[in-house]
Protein backbone atom coordinates (compact mmCIF):
# COMPACT_ATOMS: atom_id res chain seq x y z
CA UNK A 1 -6.06 -21.50 51.94
CA UNK A 2 -8.93 -21.05 54.08
CA UNK A 3 -12.28 -21.29 52.14
CA UNK A 4 -12.56 -17.08 52.99
CA UNK A 5 -9.54 -16.64 50.93
CA UNK A 6 -10.68 -18.91 47.84
CA UNK A 7 -14.47 -17.07 47.77
CA UNK A 8 -12.74 -13.71 48.40
CA UNK A 9 -10.52 -14.27 45.22
CA UNK A 10 -13.27 -15.11 43.00
CA UNK A 11 -15.69 -11.99 44.52
CA UNK A 12 -12.52 -10.29 43.15
CA UNK A 13 -11.92 -11.33 39.54
CA UNK A 14 -15.78 -11.28 38.90
CA UNK A 15 -15.43 -7.47 39.66
CA UNK A 16 -12.09 -7.38 38.53
CA UNK A 17 -14.45 -8.96 34.92
CA UNK A 18 -17.25 -6.75 34.77
CA UNK A 19 -15.62 -3.51 35.58
CA UNK A 20 -12.73 -4.61 32.40
CA UNK A 21 -15.41 -5.15 30.69
CA UNK A 22 -16.99 -1.66 31.46
CA UNK A 23 -14.35 0.09 30.38
CA UNK A 24 -13.25 -1.37 27.35
CA UNK A 25 -17.09 -1.13 25.83
CA UNK A 26 -15.87 2.66 26.23
CA UNK A 27 -12.31 2.11 25.01
CA UNK A 28 -13.48 0.32 21.86
CA UNK A 29 -17.49 1.80 21.17
CA UNK A 30 -20.12 -0.61 20.18
CA UNK A 31 -19.84 -1.88 16.35
CA UNK A 32 -22.18 0.80 15.09
CA UNK A 33 -19.10 3.23 15.99
CA UNK A 34 -17.28 1.48 13.62
CA UNK A 35 -19.03 1.57 10.37
CA UNK A 36 -17.34 4.21 7.84
CA UNK A 37 -17.94 5.45 4.48
CA UNK A 38 -15.55 4.61 1.50
CA UNK A 39 -15.35 6.03 -2.31
CA UNK A 40 -16.34 3.06 -4.80
CA UNK A 41 -13.66 2.17 -6.69
CA UNK A 42 -14.68 2.23 -10.56
CA UNK A 43 -14.50 -1.36 -12.52
CA UNK A 44 -11.47 -2.57 -13.94
CA UNK A 45 -12.60 -3.26 -17.66
CA UNK A 46 -10.83 -4.52 -20.60
CA UNK A 47 -11.64 -0.96 -23.09
CA UNK A 48 -9.03 1.19 -23.59
CA UNK A 49 -8.79 3.88 -25.54
CA UNK A 50 -6.89 5.01 -28.37
CA UNK A 51 -4.28 7.54 -27.41
CA UNK A 52 -3.99 11.03 -28.62
CA UNK A 53 -3.23 11.33 -32.51
CA UNK A 54 -0.82 14.81 -31.57
CA UNK A 55 1.46 12.29 -29.71
CA UNK A 56 1.03 8.95 -31.16
CA UNK A 57 1.21 9.08 -34.69
CA UNK A 58 3.36 7.40 -37.62
CA UNK A 59 6.30 10.08 -38.28
CA UNK A 60 6.37 10.69 -34.04
CA UNK A 61 10.34 9.80 -32.80
CA UNK A 62 10.48 6.31 -31.28
CA UNK A 63 12.91 6.91 -28.46
CA UNK A 64 13.50 3.04 -28.49
CA UNK A 65 15.43 3.36 -31.62
CA UNK A 66 19.01 3.17 -31.62
CA UNK A 67 20.19 6.84 -32.51
CA UNK A 68 23.87 7.73 -33.96
CA UNK A 69 25.11 10.99 -33.72
CA UNK A 70 28.52 10.23 -35.42
CA UNK A 71 31.25 7.43 -36.01
CA UNK A 72 33.16 5.96 -33.11
CA UNK A 73 36.59 5.52 -32.91
CA UNK A 74 36.71 3.62 -30.29
CA UNK A 75 35.61 -0.63 -30.66
CA UNK A 76 35.88 -0.33 -26.77
CA UNK A 77 34.06 3.03 -25.40
CA UNK A 78 34.31 2.19 -21.53
CA UNK A 79 37.67 0.45 -21.01
CA UNK A 80 39.86 4.27 -21.04
CA UNK A 81 41.82 4.15 -24.21
CA UNK A 82 41.52 5.60 -27.28
CA UNK A 83 40.98 8.59 -28.86
CA UNK A 84 38.73 11.36 -27.47
């Protein structure tokens, strides 16, 4: 390579760097353009309000308790045999 070729490559590299810097500034914008407002979330506390007495009372139905409708004659109901 000749010295002229090296100088031409350096000039082209500098021009392309300047052009890419200008284009990227237009595309990505400045840091002031990237500001966005967000919603402020209330911090989590250890206070838990008492549940409504209409739903959670001592005489309410408890779905975690087993419920027996009638006696089952089949001791192993999932084997496919037994009285129906």
